[in-house]
Amino acid sequence: MDSLKIGDKIIYPAQGIGIVEQITEASFDGQKSLILHIRLTDSNTLVVIPSHSATEIGLRKPISQNQVSTFFRFFKDCEVDISADWKDRYKENFDLMKSGQLKDIAIVYKTLYFLSQAKPLSFREKKMLEKARELIVSELSVSSLISPEKISQRLDHILAHSLKELKADREF
């Protein structure tokens, strides 16, 4: 993450898109370190972190425009398991969300969406479903330069098609 420059967009795990506003240098215990000032676009919160902690935190650049269609294929084809106990499922989904990786978040979203079609979600799972969708839509929109509305429509289309296939394969 040392290659970041002012104006770069980054993904902050579980928070979404951020923009590098400033890069400063500071000394800690005689060691010089670059400090990243990142503005989270969703909440307008300023996050200040040392650049050497960026990888540990999970900061990453958004996927490239070329990777967007690959993501949609993954989202369409990825298998999800909705049979786990809610406590185990919540912990697993929480860990996947925390990773900040788009494919992990997609698995959470698809799992919770399918589960919501079978039974009501708990309050925490509803919030996680909403956050997963928000994170996916915002990253894909930034990466592809396609409006969030069109990204949402494409996700909905894939989910509807996948749900139909799932129902055809087994009693749902």
N, C-alpha and C. Protein backbone atom coordinates (compact mmCIF):
# COMPACT_ATOMS: atom_id res chain seq x y z
N MET A 1 0.82 -1.21 0.00
CA MET A 1 0.00 0.00 0.00
C MET A 1 0.86 1.27 0.00
N ASP A 2 2.17 1.09 -0.09
CA ASP A 2 3.04 2.27 -0.15
C ASP A 2 2.92 3.01 -1.47
N SER A 3 2.29 2.38 -2.46
CA SER A 3 2.15 3.02 -3.76
C SER A 3 0.93 3.95 -3.84
N LEU A 4 0.21 4.09 -2.75
CA LEU A 4 -0.96 4.95 -2.76
C LEU A 4 -0.57 6.41 -2.90
N LYS A 5 -1.45 7.16 -3.55
CA LYS A 5 -1.24 8.60 -3.66
C LYS A 5 -2.56 9.32 -3.38
N ILE A 6 -2.47 10.59 -3.16
CA ILE A 6 -3.65 11.40 -2.85
C ILE A 6 -4.65 11.27 -4.00
N GLY A 7 -5.90 11.04 -3.63
CA GLY A 7 -6.98 10.88 -4.61
C GLY A 7 -7.30 9.43 -4.94
N ASP A 8 -6.41 8.50 -4.55
CA ASP A 8 -6.68 7.08 -4.82
C ASP A 8 -7.88 6.61 -4.02
N LYS A 9 -8.65 5.73 -4.63
CA LYS A 9 -9.77 5.09 -3.94
C LYS A 9 -9.29 3.78 -3.37
N ILE A 10 -9.74 3.46 -2.18
CA ILE A 10 -9.38 2.20 -1.53
C ILE A 10 -10.64 1.58 -0.94
N ILE A 11 -10.52 0.30 -0.61
CA ILE A 11 -11.60 -0.40 0.09
C ILE A 11 -11.14 -0.60 1.52
N TYR A 12 -11.93 -0.10 2.46
CA TYR A 12 -11.66 -0.29 3.88
C TYR A 12 -12.62 -1.40 4.34
N PRO A 13 -12.09 -2.54 4.80
CA PRO A 13 -12.96 -3.68 5.14
C PRO A 13 -14.13 -3.30 6.04
N ALA A 14 -15.29 -3.81 5.66
CA ALA A 14 -16.56 -3.63 6.37
C ALA A 14 -17.04 -2.18 6.41
N GLN A 15 -16.28 -1.26 5.79
CA GLN A 15 -16.69 0.15 5.78
C GLN A 15 -16.99 0.65 4.37
N GLY A 16 -16.29 0.10 3.39
CA GLY A 16 -16.54 0.48 2.01
C GLY A 16 -15.45 1.34 1.40
N ILE A 17 -15.87 2.19 0.48
CA ILE A 17 -14.96 3.01 -0.31
C ILE A 17 -14.41 4.16 0.53
N GLY A 18 -13.11 4.38 0.38
CA GLY A 18 -12.46 5.52 0.99
C GLY A 18 -11.57 6.19 -0.04
N ILE A 19 -11.27 7.45 0.19
CA ILE A 19 -10.40 8.20 -0.72
C ILE A 19 -9.22 8.73 0.10
N VAL A 20 -8.02 8.52 -0.42
CA VAL A 20 -6.82 9.02 0.26
C VAL A 20 -6.82 10.54 0.09
N GLU A 21 -6.96 11.25 1.22
CA GLU A 21 -7.01 12.71 1.19
C GLU A 21 -5.63 13.34 1.40
N GLN A 22 -4.82 12.66 2.20
CA GLN A 22 -3.54 13.25 2.56
C GLN A 22 -2.58 12.13 2.96
N ILE A 23 -1.31 12.33 2.67
CA ILE A 23 -0.27 11.41 3.12
C ILE A 23 0.80 12.26 3.80
N THR A 24 1.02 11.96 5.06
CA THR A 24 2.01 12.73 5.81
C THR A 24 3.10 11.79 6.31
N GLU A 25 4.16 12.38 6.83
CA GLU A 25 5.23 11.58 7.41
C GLU A 25 5.31 11.91 8.89
N ALA A 26 5.49 10.89 9.69
CA ALA A 26 5.60 11.09 11.14
C ALA A 26 6.68 10.16 11.66
N SER A 27 7.23 10.52 12.82
CA SER A 27 8.25 9.69 13.46
C SER A 27 7.69 9.09 14.73
N PHE A 28 7.89 7.78 14.88
CA PHE A 28 7.50 7.07 16.10
C PHE A 28 8.72 6.28 16.55
N ASP A 29 9.17 6.53 17.76
CA ASP A 29 10.34 5.84 18.30
C ASP A 29 11.53 5.90 17.35
N GLY A 30 11.73 7.05 16.74
CA GLY A 30 12.86 7.23 15.84
C GLY A 30 12.67 6.65 14.45
N GLN A 31 11.55 6.01 14.20
CA GLN A 31 11.25 5.42 12.89
C GLN A 31 10.30 6.34 12.13
N LYS A 32 10.65 6.65 10.89
CA LYS A 32 9.75 7.46 10.06
C LYS A 32 8.71 6.55 9.42
N SER A 33 7.50 7.05 9.37
CA SER A 33 6.40 6.27 8.81
C SER A 33 5.47 7.19 8.04
N LEU A 34 4.92 6.67 6.94
CA LEU A 34 3.90 7.41 6.19
C LEU A 34 2.56 7.19 6.86
N ILE A 35 1.80 8.26 6.98
CA ILE A 35 0.47 8.22 7.60
C ILE A 35 -0.57 8.53 6.52
N LEU A 36 -1.53 7.63 6.38
CA LEU A 36 -2.59 7.79 5.39
C LEU A 36 -3.81 8.43 6.06
N HIS A 37 -4.34 9.46 5.43
CA HIS A 37 -5.58 10.10 5.87
C HIS A 37 -6.63 9.71 4.84
N ILE A 38 -7.56 8.88 5.26
CA ILE A 38 -8.55 8.31 4.34
C ILE A 38 -9.95 8.76 4.75
N ARG A 39 -10.68 9.30 3.78
CA ARG A 39 -12.06 9.75 4.01
C ARG A 39 -12.99 8.65 3.51
N LEU A 40 -13.79 8.07 4.42
CA LEU A 40 -14.77 7.06 4.04
C LEU A 40 -15.95 7.77 3.40
N THR A 41 -16.27 7.39 2.17
CA THR A 41 -17.29 8.14 1.42
C THR A 41 -18.70 7.95 1.98
N ASP A 42 -18.97 6.77 2.52
CA ASP A 42 -20.32 6.50 3.01
C ASP A 42 -20.67 7.32 4.25
N SER A 43 -19.72 7.45 5.17
CA SER A 43 -20.00 8.13 6.44
C SER A 43 -19.30 9.47 6.57
N ASN A 44 -18.45 9.82 5.61
CA ASN A 44 -17.65 11.04 5.65
C ASN A 44 -16.68 11.06 6.84
N THR A 45 -16.34 9.88 7.35
CA THR A 45 -15.43 9.75 8.48
C THR A 45 -14.00 9.78 7.98
N LEU A 46 -13.13 10.47 8.73
CA LEU A 46 -11.71 10.50 8.40
C LEU A 46 -11.01 9.45 9.25
N VAL A 47 -10.27 8.55 8.58
CA VAL A 47 -9.52 7.50 9.25
C VAL A 47 -8.05 7.79 9.00
N VAL A 48 -7.25 7.75 10.06
CA VAL A 48 -5.82 8.02 9.96
C VAL A 48 -5.08 6.77 10.42
N ILE A 49 -4.27 6.20 9.48
CA ILE A 49 -3.55 4.98 9.82
C ILE A 49 -2.13 5.03 9.25
N PRO A 50 -1.19 4.39 9.93
CA PRO A 50 0.15 4.28 9.36
C PRO A 50 0.12 3.35 8.14
N SER A 51 0.86 3.70 7.11
CA SER A 51 0.81 2.90 5.87
C SER A 51 1.28 1.47 6.10
N HIS A 52 2.18 1.25 7.05
CA HIS A 52 2.66 -0.12 7.28
C HIS A 52 1.58 -1.01 7.89
N SER A 53 0.50 -0.42 8.40
CA SER A 53 -0.61 -1.20 8.95
C SER A 53 -1.71 -1.46 7.92
N ALA A 54 -1.59 -0.89 6.75
CA ALA A 54 -2.65 -0.98 5.74
C ALA A 54 -2.97 -2.43 5.36
N THR A 55 -1.94 -3.22 5.15
CA THR A 55 -2.17 -4.61 4.76
C THR A 55 -2.79 -5.40 5.91
N GLU A 56 -2.30 -5.16 7.11
CA GLU A 56 -2.83 -5.84 8.30
C GLU A 56 -4.31 -5.52 8.49
N ILE A 57 -4.68 -4.28 8.26
CA ILE A 57 -6.07 -3.85 8.39
C ILE A 57 -6.93 -4.45 7.27
N GLY A 58 -6.30 -4.68 6.14
CA GLY A 58 -7.02 -5.24 5.00
C GLY A 58 -7.37 -4.23 3.93
N LEU A 59 -6.75 -3.04 4.00
CA LEU A 59 -6.99 -2.06 2.95
C LEU A 59 -6.56 -2.64 1.61
N ARG A 60 -7.33 -2.34 0.60
CA ARG A 60 -6.98 -2.79 -0.75
C ARG A 60 -7.59 -1.83 -1.76
N LYS A 61 -7.08 -1.90 -2.97
CA LYS A 61 -7.65 -1.10 -4.04
C LYS A 61 -8.91 -1.81 -4.55
N PRO A 62 -9.88 -1.06 -5.08
CA PRO A 62 -11.07 -1.71 -5.66
C PRO A 62 -10.67 -2.62 -6.81
N ILE A 63 -11.52 -3.57 -7.13
CA ILE A 63 -11.23 -4.44 -8.26
C ILE A 63 -11.16 -3.59 -9.53
N SER A 64 -10.47 -4.10 -10.53
CA SER A 64 -10.34 -3.35 -11.78
C SER A 64 -11.62 -3.48 -12.61
N GLN A 65 -11.74 -2.63 -13.58
CA GLN A 65 -12.90 -2.67 -14.47
C GLN A 65 -12.97 -4.01 -15.19
N ASN A 66 -11.83 -4.58 -15.52
CA ASN A 66 -11.80 -5.89 -16.19
C ASN A 66 -12.28 -7.01 -15.29
N GLN A 67 -12.17 -6.86 -13.98
CA GLN A 67 -12.56 -7.90 -13.04
C GLN A 67 -14.06 -7.90 -12.72
N VAL A 68 -14.77 -6.88 -13.14
CA VAL A 68 -16.19 -6.77 -12.81
C VAL A 68 -16.99 -7.92 -13.41
N SER A 69 -16.77 -8.22 -14.69
CA SER A 69 -17.53 -9.32 -15.30
C SER A 69 -17.15 -10.66 -14.68
N THR A 70 -15.88 -10.81 -14.29
CA THR A 70 -15.44 -12.02 -13.58
C THR A 70 -16.18 -12.14 -12.25
N PHE A 71 -16.35 -11.02 -11.57
CA PHE A 71 -17.09 -11.03 -10.30
C PHE A 71 -18.53 -11.50 -10.53
N PHE A 72 -19.19 -10.95 -11.54
CA PHE A 72 -20.59 -11.34 -11.79
C PHE A 72 -20.71 -12.83 -12.11
N ARG A 73 -19.75 -13.38 -12.85
CA ARG A 73 -19.76 -14.83 -13.11
C ARG A 73 -19.60 -15.60 -11.81
N PHE A 74 -18.67 -15.15 -10.97
CA PHE A 74 -18.47 -15.81 -9.67
C PHE A 74 -19.77 -15.74 -8.86
N PHE A 75 -20.38 -14.58 -8.80
CA PHE A 75 -21.60 -14.38 -8.02
C PHE A 75 -22.71 -15.30 -8.52
N LYS A 76 -22.82 -15.43 -9.81
CA LYS A 76 -23.85 -16.30 -10.40
C LYS A 76 -23.60 -17.76 -10.03
N ASP A 77 -22.34 -18.19 -10.08
CA ASP A 77 -22.01 -19.61 -9.94
C ASP A 77 -21.67 -20.06 -8.53
N CYS A 78 -21.36 -19.15 -7.62
CA CYS A 78 -20.91 -19.59 -6.30
C CYS A 78 -22.03 -20.31 -5.54
N GLU A 79 -21.64 -21.38 -4.90
CA GLU A 79 -22.56 -22.17 -4.09
C GLU A 79 -22.61 -21.59 -2.69
N VAL A 80 -23.78 -21.63 -2.08
CA VAL A 80 -23.92 -21.16 -0.70
C VAL A 80 -24.64 -22.22 0.12
N ASP A 81 -24.36 -22.23 1.41
CA ASP A 81 -24.96 -23.20 2.32
C ASP A 81 -25.82 -22.44 3.32
N ILE A 82 -27.11 -22.69 3.28
CA ILE A 82 -28.02 -21.99 4.20
C ILE A 82 -28.49 -22.89 5.33
N SER A 83 -27.85 -24.05 5.45
CA SER A 83 -28.33 -25.01 6.44
C SER A 83 -27.67 -24.88 7.81
N ALA A 84 -26.63 -24.11 7.94
CA ALA A 84 -25.89 -24.03 9.20
C ALA A 84 -26.74 -23.42 10.31
N ASP A 85 -26.40 -23.77 11.54
CA ASP A 85 -27.01 -23.19 12.72
C ASP A 85 -26.80 -21.67 12.68
N TRP A 86 -27.78 -20.89 13.13
CA TRP A 86 -27.69 -19.44 12.98
C TRP A 86 -26.47 -18.86 13.68
N LYS A 87 -26.07 -19.40 14.83
CA LYS A 87 -24.88 -18.87 15.53
C LYS A 87 -23.62 -19.12 14.72
N ASP A 88 -23.47 -20.34 14.20
CA ASP A 88 -22.31 -20.66 13.37
C ASP A 88 -22.31 -19.84 12.09
N ARG A 89 -23.50 -19.73 11.49
CA ARG A 89 -23.64 -18.98 10.25
C ARG A 89 -23.28 -17.51 10.47
N TYR A 90 -23.76 -16.94 11.56
CA TYR A 90 -23.48 -15.53 11.83
C TYR A 90 -21.98 -15.30 12.01
N LYS A 91 -21.31 -16.16 12.77
CA LYS A 91 -19.87 -16.01 12.98
C LYS A 91 -19.11 -16.14 11.66
N GLU A 92 -19.48 -17.15 10.87
CA GLU A 92 -18.81 -17.34 9.59
C GLU A 92 -19.03 -16.13 8.68
N ASN A 93 -20.27 -15.66 8.61
CA ASN A 93 -20.57 -14.49 7.78
C ASN A 93 -19.85 -13.25 8.29
N PHE A 94 -19.79 -13.09 9.60
CA PHE A 94 -19.10 -11.94 10.20
C PHE A 94 -17.63 -11.95 9.79
N ASP A 95 -17.00 -13.12 9.88
CA ASP A 95 -15.58 -13.25 9.51
C ASP A 95 -15.37 -12.95 8.02
N LEU A 96 -16.29 -13.42 7.19
CA LEU A 96 -16.18 -13.15 5.76
C LEU A 96 -16.32 -11.65 5.48
N MET A 97 -17.26 -10.99 6.15
CA MET A 97 -17.44 -9.55 5.97
C MET A 97 -16.18 -8.79 6.40
N LYS A 98 -15.62 -9.23 7.51
CA LYS A 98 -14.44 -8.58 8.08
C LYS A 98 -13.23 -8.68 7.15
N SER A 99 -13.19 -9.72 6.33
CA SER A 99 -12.06 -9.90 5.41
C SER A 99 -11.97 -8.75 4.42
N GLY A 100 -13.12 -8.18 4.06
CA GLY A 100 -13.14 -7.08 3.12
C GLY A 100 -12.99 -7.49 1.67
N GLN A 101 -12.86 -8.78 1.40
CA GLN A 101 -12.71 -9.27 0.03
C GLN A 101 -14.09 -9.35 -0.64
N LEU A 102 -14.17 -8.83 -1.84
CA LEU A 102 -15.46 -8.74 -2.53
C LEU A 102 -16.13 -10.10 -2.70
N LYS A 103 -15.38 -11.13 -3.02
CA LYS A 103 -15.97 -12.46 -3.19
C LYS A 103 -16.51 -13.00 -1.86
N ASP A 104 -15.83 -12.74 -0.76
CA ASP A 104 -16.33 -13.16 0.55
C ASP A 104 -17.65 -12.46 0.88
N ILE A 105 -17.70 -11.17 0.59
CA ILE A 105 -18.91 -10.39 0.86
C ILE A 105 -20.05 -10.89 -0.03
N ALA A 106 -19.73 -11.27 -1.25
CA ALA A 106 -20.75 -11.80 -2.17
C ALA A 106 -21.34 -13.10 -1.64
N ILE A 107 -20.50 -13.95 -1.06
CA ILE A 107 -21.00 -15.21 -0.48
C ILE A 107 -21.96 -14.92 0.66
N VAL A 108 -21.60 -13.95 1.51
CA VAL A 108 -22.48 -13.56 2.62
C VAL A 108 -23.80 -13.05 2.07
N TYR A 109 -23.72 -12.18 1.09
CA TYR A 109 -24.94 -11.59 0.53
C TYR A 109 -25.86 -12.66 -0.07
N LYS A 110 -25.29 -13.53 -0.88
CA LYS A 110 -26.09 -14.56 -1.53
C LYS A 110 -26.68 -15.53 -0.50
N THR A 111 -25.88 -15.91 0.49
CA THR A 111 -26.35 -16.81 1.54
C THR A 111 -27.53 -16.20 2.29
N LEU A 112 -27.36 -14.96 2.73
CA LEU A 112 -28.42 -14.32 3.51
C LEU A 112 -29.65 -14.03 2.65
N TYR A 113 -29.44 -13.69 1.38
CA TYR A 113 -30.58 -13.46 0.49
C TYR A 113 -31.39 -14.75 0.34
N PHE A 114 -30.71 -15.86 0.04
CA PHE A 114 -31.42 -17.14 -0.11
C PHE A 114 -32.12 -17.51 1.19
N LEU A 115 -31.45 -17.32 2.31
CA LEU A 115 -32.04 -17.64 3.60
C LEU A 115 -33.28 -16.78 3.84
N SER A 116 -33.22 -15.51 3.46
CA SER A 116 -34.37 -14.61 3.67
C SER A 116 -35.58 -15.04 2.85
N GLN A 117 -35.36 -15.79 1.77
CA GLN A 117 -36.47 -16.29 0.96
C GLN A 117 -37.13 -17.50 1.61
N ALA A 118 -36.40 -18.16 2.51
CA ALA A 118 -36.92 -19.35 3.18
C ALA A 118 -37.53 -19.04 4.54
N LYS A 119 -36.98 -18.03 5.23
CA LYS A 119 -37.50 -17.68 6.56
C LYS A 119 -37.04 -16.27 6.92
N PRO A 120 -37.70 -15.66 7.90
CA PRO A 120 -37.29 -14.31 8.30
C PRO A 120 -35.88 -14.31 8.92
N LEU A 121 -35.10 -13.29 8.58
CA LEU A 121 -33.77 -13.15 9.15
C LEU A 121 -33.84 -12.45 10.50
N SER A 122 -32.85 -12.72 11.34
CA SER A 122 -32.74 -11.98 12.60
C SER A 122 -32.38 -10.54 12.26
N PHE A 123 -32.52 -9.65 13.22
CA PHE A 123 -32.20 -8.24 13.01
C PHE A 123 -30.75 -8.09 12.56
N ARG A 124 -29.83 -8.80 13.23
CA ARG A 124 -28.41 -8.69 12.89
C ARG A 124 -28.13 -9.22 11.49
N GLU A 125 -28.79 -10.29 11.12
CA GLU A 125 -28.59 -10.82 9.77
C GLU A 125 -29.18 -9.89 8.71
N LYS A 126 -30.31 -9.24 9.01
CA LYS A 126 -30.88 -8.27 8.07
C LYS A 126 -29.90 -7.13 7.83
N LYS A 127 -29.30 -6.64 8.91
CA LYS A 127 -28.33 -5.54 8.81
C LYS A 127 -27.11 -5.98 8.00
N MET A 128 -26.67 -7.21 8.23
CA MET A 128 -25.52 -7.73 7.50
C MET A 128 -25.85 -7.88 6.01
N LEU A 129 -27.05 -8.34 5.70
CA LEU A 129 -27.49 -8.46 4.31
C LEU A 129 -27.46 -7.09 3.63
N GLU A 130 -28.01 -6.09 4.30
CA GLU A 130 -28.03 -4.73 3.75
C GLU A 130 -26.62 -4.19 3.55
N LYS A 131 -25.74 -4.40 4.53
CA LYS A 131 -24.36 -3.91 4.44
C LYS A 131 -23.61 -4.62 3.33
N ALA A 132 -23.80 -5.92 3.20
CA ALA A 132 -23.12 -6.67 2.14
C ALA A 132 -23.53 -6.13 0.77
N ARG A 133 -24.82 -5.91 0.58
CA ARG A 133 -25.31 -5.38 -0.70
C ARG A 133 -24.71 -4.00 -0.96
N GLU A 134 -24.71 -3.16 0.05
CA GLU A 134 -24.17 -1.81 -0.07
C GLU A 134 -22.68 -1.84 -0.47
N LEU A 135 -21.91 -2.71 0.17
CA LEU A 135 -20.48 -2.80 -0.13
C LEU A 135 -20.24 -3.31 -1.55
N ILE A 136 -21.01 -4.30 -1.97
CA ILE A 136 -20.87 -4.83 -3.33
C ILE A 136 -21.23 -3.78 -4.36
N VAL A 137 -22.38 -3.16 -4.19
CA VAL A 137 -22.85 -2.16 -5.16
C VAL A 137 -21.87 -1.00 -5.25
N SER A 138 -21.40 -0.50 -4.12
CA SER A 138 -20.51 0.66 -4.17
C SER A 138 -19.18 0.33 -4.85
N GLU A 139 -18.59 -0.83 -4.54
CA GLU A 139 -17.32 -1.18 -5.17
C GLU A 139 -17.49 -1.43 -6.67
N LEU A 140 -18.52 -2.17 -7.04
CA LEU A 140 -18.72 -2.45 -8.47
C LEU A 140 -19.03 -1.18 -9.25
N SER A 141 -19.75 -0.27 -8.64
CA SER A 141 -20.07 0.99 -9.29
C SER A 141 -18.81 1.82 -9.53
N VAL A 142 -17.96 1.90 -8.52
CA VAL A 142 -16.71 2.64 -8.66
C VAL A 142 -15.80 1.98 -9.69
N SER A 143 -15.74 0.65 -9.65
CA SER A 143 -14.84 -0.09 -10.54
C SER A 143 -15.28 -0.08 -12.00
N SER A 144 -16.58 -0.12 -12.22
CA SER A 144 -17.10 -0.28 -13.59
C SER A 144 -17.59 1.03 -14.20
N LEU A 145 -17.74 2.05 -13.37
CA LEU A 145 -18.32 3.32 -13.80
C LEU A 145 -19.77 3.16 -14.27
N ILE A 146 -20.43 2.14 -13.73
CA ILE A 146 -21.85 1.90 -13.98
C ILE A 146 -22.61 2.39 -12.75
N SER A 147 -23.79 2.95 -12.95
CA SER A 147 -24.55 3.51 -11.84
C SER A 147 -24.91 2.43 -10.81
N PRO A 148 -25.00 2.83 -9.54
CA PRO A 148 -25.40 1.87 -8.50
C PRO A 148 -26.74 1.21 -8.81
N GLU A 149 -27.66 1.94 -9.43
CA GLU A 149 -28.96 1.38 -9.76
C GLU A 149 -28.83 0.22 -10.75
N LYS A 150 -27.99 0.39 -11.76
CA LYS A 150 -27.81 -0.67 -12.76
C LYS A 150 -27.09 -1.87 -12.15
N ILE A 151 -26.15 -1.61 -11.26
CA ILE A 151 -25.46 -2.71 -10.57
C ILE A 151 -26.48 -3.48 -9.72
N SER A 152 -27.33 -2.75 -9.00
CA SER A 152 -28.37 -3.38 -8.17
C SER A 152 -29.30 -4.24 -9.02
N GLN A 153 -29.71 -3.72 -10.17
CA GLN A 153 -30.59 -4.47 -11.05
C GLN A 153 -29.92 -5.77 -11.52
N ARG A 154 -28.65 -5.69 -11.84
CA ARG A 154 -27.94 -6.89 -12.30
C ARG A 154 -27.82 -7.91 -11.18
N LEU A 155 -27.51 -7.45 -9.97
CA LEU A 155 -27.46 -8.36 -8.82
C LEU A 155 -28.82 -9.03 -8.60
N ASP A 156 -29.89 -8.23 -8.65
CA ASP A 156 -31.24 -8.77 -8.45
C ASP A 156 -31.57 -9.81 -9.52
N HIS A 157 -31.18 -9.54 -10.76
CA HIS A 157 -31.45 -10.47 -11.85
C HIS A 157 -30.72 -11.80 -11.61
N ILE A 158 -29.46 -11.72 -11.22
CA ILE A 158 -28.67 -12.93 -10.94
C ILE A 158 -29.28 -13.71 -9.78
N LEU A 159 -29.66 -13.01 -8.73
CA LEU A 159 -30.25 -13.69 -7.56
C LEU A 159 -31.57 -14.36 -7.93
N ALA A 160 -32.41 -13.68 -8.69
CA ALA A 160 -33.70 -14.26 -9.08
C ALA A 160 -33.47 -15.52 -9.92
N HIS A 161 -32.54 -15.46 -10.84
CA HIS A 161 -32.24 -16.62 -11.69
C HIS A 161 -31.67 -17.76 -10.85
N SER A 162 -30.74 -17.44 -9.95
CA SER A 162 -30.12 -18.47 -9.10
C SER A 162 -31.15 -19.11 -8.16
N LEU A 163 -32.07 -18.30 -7.65
CA LEU A 163 -33.10 -18.81 -6.75
C LEU A 163 -34.03 -19.76 -7.49
N LYS A 164 -34.37 -19.42 -8.73
CA LYS A 164 -35.20 -20.29 -9.56
C LYS A 164 -34.51 -21.64 -9.76
N GLU A 165 -33.22 -21.61 -10.07
CA GLU A 165 -32.46 -22.85 -10.26
C GLU A 165 -32.40 -23.67 -8.96
N LEU A 166 -32.22 -22.97 -7.85
CA LEU A 166 -32.16 -23.66 -6.55
C LEU A 166 -33.49 -24.33 -6.25
N LYS A 167 -34.58 -23.65 -6.49
CA LYS A 167 -35.91 -24.22 -6.24
C LYS A 167 -36.17 -25.41 -7.16
N ALA A 168 -35.68 -25.33 -8.37
CA ALA A 168 -35.87 -26.43 -9.31
C ALA A 168 -35.05 -27.66 -8.89
N ASP A 169 -33.88 -27.41 -8.29
CA ASP A 169 -33.00 -28.51 -7.88
C ASP A 169 -33.49 -29.23 -6.62
N ARG A 170 -34.15 -28.50 -5.75
CA ARG A 170 -34.62 -29.11 -4.51
C ARG A 170 -35.80 -28.35 -3.94
N GLU A 171 -36.43 -28.96 -2.99
CA GLU A 171 -37.55 -28.31 -2.30
C GLU A 171 -36.97 -27.20 -1.46
N PHE A 172 -37.42 -25.99 -1.65
CA PHE A 172 -36.86 -24.84 -0.92
C PHE A 172 -37.91 -24.22 -0.07
